PDB file of N, CA and C in Angstrom:
ATOM      1  N   MET A   1     100.417  94.336  90.016  1.00  0.00           N
ATOM      2  CA  MET A   1      99.547  95.551  89.989  1.00  0.00           C
ATOM      3  C   MET A   1      98.172  95.260  89.472  1.00  0.00           C
ATOM      4  N   LEU A   2      97.483  95.829  90.567  1.00  0.00           N
ATOM      5  CA  LEU A   2      96.106  95.782  90.072  1.00  0.00           C
ATOM      6  C   LEU A   2      95.870  96.506  88.791  1.00  0.00           C
ATOM      7  N   LYS A   3      95.215  95.872  88.140  1.00  0.00           N
ATOM      8  CA  LYS A   3      94.630  96.618  86.766  1.00  0.00           C
ATOM      9  C   LYS A   3      93.130  97.091  86.925  1.00  0.00           C
ATOM     10  N   LEU A   4      92.899  98.264  86.999  1.00  0.00           N
ATOM     11  CA  LEU A   4      91.512  98.401  87.009  1.00  0.00           C
ATOM     12  C   LEU A   4      91.040  99.355  85.408  1.00  0.00           C
ATOM     13  N   ASP A   5      89.977  99.074  85.039  1.00  0.00           N
ATOM     14  CA  ASP A   5      89.484 100.142  83.862  1.00  0.00           C
ATOM     15  C   ASP A   5      88.460 100.798  84.280  1.00  0.00           C
ATOM     16  N   PHE A   6      88.315 102.355  84.581  1.00  0.00           N
ATOM     17  CA  PHE A   6      87.323 102.871  85.297  1.00  0.00           C
ATOM     18  C   PHE A   6      86.949 103.721  84.078  1.00  0.00           C
ATOM     19  N   THR A   7      85.596 103.962  83.819  1.00  0.00           N
ATOM     20  CA  THR A   7      85.169 105.257  83.075  1.00  0.00           C
ATOM     21  C   THR A   7      85.413 106.540  83.315  1.00  0.00           C
ATOM     22  N   THR A   8      84.727 107.484  82.529  1.00  0.00           N
ATOM     23  CA  THR A   8      84.991 109.137  83.202  1.00  0.00           C
ATOM     24  C   THR A   8      83.712 109.265  84.344  1.00  0.00           C
ATOM     25  N   THR A   9      82.863 108.602  84.119  1.00  0.00           N
ATOM     26  CA  THR A   9      81.869 108.819  84.947  1.00  0.00           C
ATOM     27  C   THR A   9      82.268 108.172  86.386  1.00  0.00           C
ATOM     28  N   GLY A  10      82.837 107.388  86.224  1.00  0.00           N
ATOM     29  CA  GLY A  10      83.603 106.458  87.449  1.00  0.00           C
ATOM     30  C   GLY A  10      84.649 107.624  88.496  1.00  0.00           C
ATOM     31  N   TYR A  11      85.444 108.000  87.287  1.00  0.00           N
ATOM     32  CA  TYR A  11      86.318 108.911  88.050  1.00  0.00           C
ATOM     33  C   TYR A  11      85.630 110.158  88.931  1.00  0.00           C
ATOM     34  N   ILE A  12      85.017 110.562  88.038  1.00  0.00           N
ATOM     35  CA  ILE A  12      84.261 111.647  88.344  1.00  0.00           C
ATOM     36  C   ILE A  12      83.133 111.217  90.207  1.00  0.00           C
ATOM     37  N   ILE A  13      82.869 110.133  90.216  1.00  0.00           N
ATOM     38  CA  ILE A  13      81.989 109.787  91.184  1.00  0.00           C
ATOM     39  C   ILE A  13      82.986 109.625  92.320  1.00  0.00           C
ATOM     40  N   MET A  14      84.277 108.866  91.883  1.00  0.00           N
ATOM     41  CA  MET A  14      85.146 108.686  93.090  1.00  0.00           C
ATOM     42  C   MET A  14      85.958 110.182  93.651  1.00  0.00           C
ATOM     43  N   CYS A  15      85.876 111.080  92.741  1.00  0.00           N
ATOM     44  CA  CYS A  15      86.430 112.562  92.920  1.00  0.00           C
ATOM     45  C   CYS A  15      85.352 113.058  93.798  1.00  0.00           C
ATOM     46  N   LEU A  16      84.263 112.810  93.698  1.00  0.00           N
ATOM     47  CA  LEU A  16      82.953 113.804  94.597  1.00  0.00           C
ATOM     48  C   LEU A  16      82.840 112.905  95.602  1.00  0.00           C
ATOM     49  N   ILE A  17      83.084 111.424  95.717  1.00  0.00           N
ATOM     50  CA  ILE A  17      83.030 110.905  97.090  1.00  0.00           C
ATOM     51  C   ILE A  17      84.049 111.345  98.042  1.00  0.00           C
ATOM     52  N   TRP A  18      85.545 111.407  97.174  1.00  0.00           N
ATOM     53  CA  TRP A  18      86.590 111.893  98.131  1.00  0.00           C
ATOM     54  C   TRP A  18      86.529 113.222  98.842  1.00  0.00           C
ATOM     55  N   SER A  19      86.188 114.090  97.561  1.00  0.00           N
ATOM     56  CA  SER A  19      86.078 115.646  98.034  1.00  0.00           C
ATOM     57  C   SER A  19      84.857 115.698  99.233  1.00  0.00           C
ATOM     58  N   LEU A  20      83.994 114.846  98.962  1.00  0.00           N
ATOM     59  CA  LEU A  20      82.620 114.689 100.242  1.00  0.00           C
ATOM     60  C   LEU A  20      83.549 114.509 101.514  1.00  0.00           C
ATOM     61  N   ALA A  21      84.355 113.222 101.429  1.00  0.00           N
ATOM     62  CA  ALA A  21      85.003 112.847 102.399  1.00  0.00           C
ATOM     63  C   ALA A  21      85.691 114.377 103.517  1.00  0.00           C
ATOM     64  N   GLY A  22      86.745 114.839 102.184  1.00  0.00           N
ATOM     65  CA  GLY A  22      87.298 116.261 103.143  1.00  0.00           C
ATOM     66  C   GLY A  22      86.623 117.321 103.526  1.00  0.00           C
ATOM     67  N   ILE A  23      85.388 117.433 102.763  1.00  0.00           N
ATOM     68  CA  ILE A  23      84.576 118.907 103.199  1.00  0.00           C
ATOM     69  C   ILE A  23      83.857 117.983 104.699  1.00  0.00           C
ATOM     70  N   ILE A  24      83.548 116.864 104.697  1.00  0.00           N
ATOM     71  CA  ILE A  24      82.528 116.553 106.168  1.00  0.00           C
ATOM     72  C   ILE A  24      83.874 116.860 106.984  1.00  0.00           C
ATOM     73  N   GLY A  25      85.401 116.050 107.012  1.00  0.00           N
ATOM     74  CA  GLY A  25      85.917 116.361 107.733  1.00  0.00           C
ATOM     75  C   GLY A  25      86.324 117.552 108.348  1.00  0.00           C
ATOM     76  N   ALA A  26      86.424 118.702 107.235  1.00  0.00           N
ATOM     77  CA  ALA A  26      86.922 119.992 107.657  1.00  0.00           C
ATOM     78  C   ALA A  26      85.686 120.170 108.390  1.00  0.00           C
ATOM     79  N   VAL A  27      84.415 120.531 108.170  1.00  0.00           N
ATOM     80  CA  VAL A  27      83.461 120.626 108.886  1.00  0.00           C
ATOM     81  C   VAL A  27      83.290 120.482 110.431  1.00  0.00           C
ATOM     82  N   ILE A  28      83.452 118.503 110.530  1.00  0.00           N
ATOM     83  CA  ILE A  28      83.182 118.482 111.815  1.00  0.00           C
ATOM     84  C   ILE A  28      84.682 118.947 112.443  1.00  0.00           C
ATOM     85  N   ALA A  29      85.551 119.019 112.044  1.00  0.00           N
ATOM     86  CA  ALA A  29      86.790 119.570 112.573  1.00  0.00           C
ATOM     87  C   ALA A  29      86.719 121.226 113.114  1.00  0.00           C
ATOM     88  N   HIS A  30      85.861 121.668 112.320  1.00  0.00           N
ATOM     89  CA  HIS A  30      85.541 123.401 112.604  1.00  0.00           C
ATOM     90  C   HIS A  30      84.788 123.161 113.762  1.00  0.00           C
ATOM     91  N   LYS A  31      83.878 122.473 113.366  1.00  0.00           N
ATOM     92  CA  LYS A  31      82.606 122.304 114.850  1.00  0.00           C
ATOM     93  C   LYS A  31      83.278 122.112 116.106  1.00  0.00           C
ATOM     94  N   LYS A  32      84.465 121.395 116.054  1.00  0.00           N
ATOM     95  CA  LYS A  32      84.984 120.722 117.390  1.00  0.00           C
ATOM     96  C   LYS A  32      86.070 121.663 117.798  1.00  0.00           C
ATOM     97  N   GLY A  33      86.546 122.957 117.073  1.00  0.00           N
ATOM     98  CA  GLY A  33      87.259 123.665 117.306  1.00  0.00           C
ATOM     99  C   GLY A  33      88.699 123.281 116.996  1.00  0.00           C
ATOM    100  N   ARG A  34      89.202 122.220 115.978  1.00  0.00           N
ATOM    101  CA  ARG A  34      90.542 121.966 115.300  1.00  0.00           C
ATOM    102  C   ARG A  34      90.669 122.533 114.085  1.00  0.00           C
ATOM    103  N   SER A  35      91.357 122.253 113.384  1.00  0.00           N
ATOM    104  CA  SER A  35      92.242 122.976 112.023  1.00  0.00           C
ATOM    105  C   SER A  35      91.349 122.188 111.200  1.00  0.00           C
ATOM    106  N   PRO A  36      90.358 123.330 110.343  1.00  0.00           N
ATOM    107  CA  PRO A  36      89.790 122.310 109.218  1.00  0.00           C
ATOM    108  C   PRO A  36      90.243 121.962 108.199  1.00  0.00           C
ATOM    109  N   PHE A  37      91.631 122.909 107.860  1.00  0.00           N
ATOM    110  CA  PHE A  37      92.531 122.526 106.597  1.00  0.00           C
ATOM    111  C   PHE A  37      93.205 121.110 107.126  1.00  0.00           C
ATOM    112  N   PHE A  38      93.742 121.279 108.007  1.00  0.00           N
ATOM    113  CA  PHE A  38      94.444 119.449 108.260  1.00  0.00           C
ATOM    114  C   PHE A  38      93.574 118.386 108.195  1.00  0.00           C
ATOM    115  N   TRP A  39      92.259 118.370 108.540  1.00  0.00           N
ATOM    116  CA  TRP A  39      91.534 117.336 108.955  1.00  0.00           C
ATOM    117  C   TRP A  39      90.889 117.245 107.412  1.00  0.00           C
ATOM    118  N   GLY A  40      90.546 118.259 106.740  1.00  0.00           N
ATOM    119  CA  GLY A  40      89.952 118.294 105.493  1.00  0.00           C
ATOM    120  C   GLY A  40      91.065 117.472 104.469  1.00  0.00           C
ATOM    121  N   ILE A  41      92.266 117.813 104.474  1.00  0.00           N
ATOM    122  CA  ILE A  41      93.157 117.065 103.887  1.00  0.00           C
ATOM    123  C   ILE A  41      93.381 115.698 104.212  1.00  0.00           C
ATOM    124  N   LEU A  42      93.434 115.622 105.251  1.00  0.00           N
ATOM    125  CA  LEU A  42      93.302 114.254 105.894  1.00  0.00           C
ATOM    126  C   LEU A  42      92.560 113.033 105.265  1.00  0.00           C
ATOM    127  N   CYS A  43      91.118 113.743 105.481  1.00  0.00           N
ATOM    128  CA  CYS A  43      90.268 112.971 105.229  1.00  0.00           C
ATOM    129  C   CYS A  43      90.008 112.813 103.955  1.00  0.00           C
ATOM    130  N   LEU A  44      90.662 113.696 102.885  1.00  0.00           N
ATOM    131  CA  LEU A  44      90.748 113.677 101.437  1.00  0.00           C
ATOM    132  C   LEU A  44      91.627 112.558 101.209  1.00  0.00           C
ATOM    133  N   ILE A  45      92.770 112.673 102.010  1.00  0.00           N
ATOM    134  CA  ILE A  45      94.058 111.797 101.364  1.00  0.00           C
ATOM    135  C   ILE A  45      93.853 110.392 101.932  1.00  0.00           C
ATOM    136  N   ALA A  46      93.416 110.367 102.644  1.00  0.00           N
ATOM    137  CA  ALA A  46      92.984 108.743 103.666  1.00  0.00           C
ATOM    138  C   ALA A  46      93.039 107.612 102.703  1.00  0.00           C
ATOM    139  N   PRO A  47      91.385 108.083 101.912  1.00  0.00           N
ATOM    140  CA  PRO A  47      90.683 107.002 101.207  1.00  0.00           C
ATOM    141  C   PRO A  47      91.677 106.935 100.001  1.00  0.00           C
ATOM    142  N   LEU A  48      92.551 107.840  99.303  1.00  0.00           N
ATOM    143  CA  LEU A  48      93.144 107.503  98.313  1.00  0.00           C
ATOM    144  C   LEU A  48      94.230 106.856  98.761  1.00  0.00           C
ATOM    145  N   ALA A  49      95.125 106.821  99.795  1.00  0.00           N
ATOM    146  CA  ALA A  49      96.207 106.240 100.127  1.00  0.00           C
ATOM    147  C   ALA A  49      95.657 104.657 100.284  1.00  0.00           C
ATOM    148  N   LEU A  50      94.413 104.455 100.991  1.00  0.00           N
ATOM    149  CA  LEU A  50      94.095 103.021 101.031  1.00  0.00           C
ATOM    150  C   LEU A  50      93.904 102.350  99.940  1.00  0.00           C
ATOM    151  N   PHE A  51      93.005 103.043  99.000  1.00  0.00           N
ATOM    152  CA  PHE A  51      93.040 102.437  97.416  1.00  0.00           C
ATOM    153  C   PHE A  51      94.197 102.198  96.809  1.00  0.00           C
ATOM    154  N   ALA A  52      95.520 103.263  96.880  1.00  0.00           N
ATOM    155  CA  ALA A  52      97.125 103.090  96.483  1.00  0.00           C
ATOM    156  C   ALA A  52      97.425 101.673  97.140  1.00  0.00           C
ATOM    157  N   ILE A  53      97.299 101.661  98.437  1.00  0.00           N
ATOM    158  CA  ILE A  53      98.008 100.688  99.194  1.00  0.00           C
ATOM    159  C   ILE A  53      97.263  99.219  98.949  1.00  0.00           C
ATOM    160  N   GLY A  54      96.202  99.087  98.719  1.00  0.00           N
ATOM    161  CA  GLY A  54      95.448  97.691  98.047  1.00  0.00           C
ATOM    162  C   GLY A  54      95.547  97.703  96.400  1.00  0.00           C
ATOM    163  N   GLY A  55      95.975  98.773  95.910  1.00  0.00           N
ATOM    164  CA  GLY A  55      95.900  98.555  94.366  1.00  0.00           C
ATOM    165  C   GLY A  55      97.847  98.133  93.723  1.00  0.00           C
ATOM    166  N   MET A  56      98.390  97.916  94.947  1.00  0.00           N
ATOM    167  CA  MET A  56      99.867  97.847  94.933  1.00  0.00           C
ATOM    168  C   MET A  56      99.937  96.327  94.426  1.00  0.00           C
ATOM    169  N   ARG A  57      99.297  95.498  95.128  1.00  0.00           N
ATOM    170  CA  ARG A  57      99.350  94.140  94.786  1.00  0.00           C
ATOM    171  C   ARG A  57      98.020  93.162  94.408  1.00  0.00           C
ATOM    172  N   ALA A  58      97.943  92.768  93.415  1.00  0.00           N
ATOM    173  CA  ALA A  58      96.902  91.845  92.834  1.00  0.00           C
ATOM    174  C   ALA A  58      96.756  90.441  93.893  1.00  0.00           C
ATOM    175  N   PRO A  59      95.400  90.067  94.559  1.00  0.00           N
ATOM    176  CA  PRO A  59      95.717  88.696  95.284  1.00  0.00           C
ATOM    177  C   PRO A  59      96.081  87.742  94.279  1.00  0.00           C
ATOM    178  N   GLY A  60      96.580  87.101  95.150  1.00  0.00           N
ATOM    179  CA  GLY A  60      97.469  85.939  94.587  1.00  0.00           C
ATOM    180  C   GLY A  60      98.919  86.233  93.989  1.00  0.00           C
ATOM    181  N   GLU A  61      99.127  87.684  93.682  1.00  0.00           N
ATOM    182  CA  GLU A  61     100.467  87.813  93.387  1.00  0.00           C
ATOM    183  C   GLU A  61     101.445  88.092  94.471  1.00  0.00           C
ATOM    184  N   PRO A  62     102.509  87.193  94.102  1.00  0.00           N
ATOM    185  CA  PRO A  62     103.790  87.102  95.313  1.00  0.00           C
ATOM    186  C   PRO A  62     104.041  88.321  95.984  1.00  0.00           C
ATOM    187  N   LEU A  63     104.472  87.942  97.096  1.00  0.00           N
ATOM    188  CA  LEU A  63     104.926  89.062  97.996  1.00  0.00           C
ATOM    189  C   LEU A  63     106.336  89.469  97.282  1.00  0.00           C
ATOM    190  N   PRO A  64     106.827  91.230  97.250  1.00  0.00           N
ATOM    191  CA  PRO A  64     108.262  91.448  96.903  1.00  0.00           C
ATOM    192  C   PRO A  64     109.197  90.594  97.802  1.00  0.00           C
ATOM    193  N   PRO A  65     110.327  90.609  97.274  1.00  0.00           N
ATOM    194  CA  PRO A  65     111.301  89.531  97.959  1.00  0.00           C
ATOM    195  C   PRO A  65     111.644  90.283  99.342  1.00  0.00           C
ATOM    196  N   ILE A  66     111.731  91.664  99.515  1.00  0.00           N
ATOM    197  CA  ILE A  66     111.792  92.373 101.412  1.00  0.00           C
ATOM    198  C   ILE A  66     110.652  91.833 101.910  1.00  0.00           C
ATOM    199  N   PHE A  67     109.696  91.684 101.442  1.00  0.00           N
ATOM    200  CA  PHE A  67     108.698  91.558 102.289  1.00  0.00           C
ATOM    201  C   PHE A  67     108.603  89.812 102.510  1.00  0.00           C
ATOM    202  N   GLN A  68     108.921  88.945 101.924  1.00  0.00           N
ATOM    203  CA  GLN A  68     108.718  87.674 101.454  1.00  0.00           C
ATOM    204  C   GLN A  68     110.055  87.196 102.894  1.00  0.00           C
ATOM    205  N   ARG A  69     111.388  88.092 102.729  1.00  0.00           N
ATOM    206  CA  ARG A  69     112.359  87.758 103.748  1.00  0.00           C
ATOM    207  C   ARG A  69     111.387  87.588 105.272  1.00  0.00           C
ATOM    208  N   GLU A  70     110.809  89.196 105.370  1.00  0.00           N
ATOM    209  CA  GLU A  70     110.468  89.016 106.716  1.00  0.00           C
ATOM    210  C   GLU A  70     109.322  88.321 107.289  1.00  0.00           C
ATOM    211  N   LYS A  71     108.353  87.751 106.187  1.00  0.00           N
ATOM    212  CA  LYS A  71     107.637  86.824 106.174  1.00  0.00           C
ATOM    213  C   LYS A  71     107.683  85.269 106.689  1.00  0.00           C
ATOM    214  N   GLU A  72     108.996  84.787 106.297  1.00  0.00           N
ATOM    215  CA  GLU A  72     110.027  83.631 106.369  1.00  0.00           C
ATOM    216  C   GLU A  72     110.266  83.665 107.778  1.00  0.00           C
ATOM    217  N   GLU A  73     111.193  84.871 108.216  1.00  0.00           N
ATOM    218  CA  GLU A  73     111.816  85.077 109.674  1.00  0.00           C
ATOM    219  C   GLU A  73     110.598  84.762 110.514  1.00  0.00           C
ATOM    220  N   LEU A  74     109.807  85.759 110.369  1.00  0.00           N
ATOM    221  CA  LEU A  74     108.194  85.527 111.394  1.00  0.00           C
ATOM    222  C   LEU A  74     107.879  84.408 111.526  1.00  0.00           C
ATOM    223  N   GLU A  75     107.686  83.125 110.386  1.00  0.00           N
ATOM    224  CA  GLU A  75     107.219  82.303 110.353  1.00  0.00           C
ATOM    225  C   GLU A  75     107.967  80.813 111.444  1.00  0.00           C
ATOM    226  N   ARG A  76     109.299  81.386 110.615  1.00  0.00           N
ATOM    227  CA  ARG A  76     110.866  80.521 111.972  1.00  0.00           C
ATOM    228  C   ARG A  76     110.693  81.014 113.354  1.00  0.00           C
ATOM    229  N   LEU A  77     110.438  82.076 113.297  1.00  0.00           N
ATOM    230  CA  LEU A  77     110.598  82.926 114.832  1.00  0.00           C
ATOM    231  C   LEU A  77     109.030  81.947 115.466  1.00  0.00           C
ATOM    232  N   ALA A  78     108.079  81.726 114.833  1.00  0.00           N
ATOM    233  CA  ALA A  78     107.080  80.917 115.197  1.00  0.00           C
ATOM    234  C   ALA A  78     107.223  79.724 115.510  1.00  0.00           C
ATOM    235  N   ARG A  79     107.699  79.288 114.498  1.00  0.00           N
ATOM    236  CA  ARG A  79     108.081  77.926 114.791  1.00  0.00           C
ATOM    237  C   ARG A  79     108.789  77.458 116.041  1.00  0.00           C
ATOM    238  N   GLU A  80     109.781  78.379 116.227  1.00  0.00           N
ATOM    239  CA  GLU A  80     110.740  78.157 117.335  1.00  0.00           C
ATOM    240  C   GLU A  80     110.146  78.469 118.559  1.00  0.00           C
ATOM    241  N   ARG A  81     109.309  79.482 118.741  1.00  0.00           N
ATOM    242  CA  ARG A  81     108.530  79.686 120.166  1.00  0.00           C
ATOM    243  C   ARG A  81     107.759  78.235 120.458  1.00  0.00           C
ATOM    244  N   ALA A  82     106.933  77.806 119.053  1.00  0.00           N
ATOM    245  CA  ALA A  82     105.891  76.669 119.380  1.00  0.00           C
ATOM    246  C   ALA A  82     106.748  75.395 119.798  1.00  0.00           C
ATOM    247  N   GLU A  83     107.870  75.597 119.446  1.00  0.00           N
ATOM    248  CA  GLU A  83     108.764  74.119 119.736  1.00  0.00           C
ATOM    249  C   GLU A  83     109.262  74.479 121.217  1.00  0.00           C
ATOM    250  N   GLN A  84     109.629  75.535 121.635  1.00  0.00           N
ATOM    251  CA  GLN A  84     110.106  75.941 123.114  1.00  0.00           C
ATOM    252  C   GLN A  84     109.034  75.624 123.940  1.00  0.00           C
ATOM    253  N   GLN A  85     107.364  75.893 123.556  1.00  0.00           N
ATOM    254  CA  GLN A  85     106.327  75.955 124.421  1.00  0.00           C
ATOM    255  C   GLN A  85     105.936  74.443 124.635  1.00  0.00           C
ATOM    256  N   SER A  86     105.865  73.491 123.359  1.00  0.00           N
ATOM    257  CA  SER A  86     105.848  71.931 123.985  1.00  0.00           C
ATOM    258  C   SER A  86     106.841  71.616 124.399  1.00  0.00           C
ATOM    259  N   ARG A  87     107.989  72.206 124.582  1.00  0.00           N
ATOM    260  CA  ARG A  87     109.152  71.016 125.470  1.00  0.00           C
ATOM    261  C   ARG A  87     108.929  71.458 126.640  1.00  0.00           C
ATOM    262  N   GLN A  88     108.027  72.505 127.018  1.00  0.00           N
ATOM    263  CA  GLN A  88     107.989  72.931 128.677  1.00  0.00           C
ATOM    264  C   GLN A  88     106.584  72.007 129.235  1.00  0.00           C
TER     265      GLN A  88
END
């Protein structure tokens, strides 16, 4: 897990940025005749979700076993395809 240490001011600035993203999204949606509530919430949640996904694994940290199996399977399939193409 990525370990970050924010100050209170940092949290306030992040909150303002994310709130501003939601407000801007709602205003643009309202001007285009879309649902401002939906787009405001979406624009508010998207940056939070990206930071959460990015913070789940620190750089260099090994992949969880479930993803490691998928990675090994994809590498094996890529090798097999390369071998088949080299034979042709």
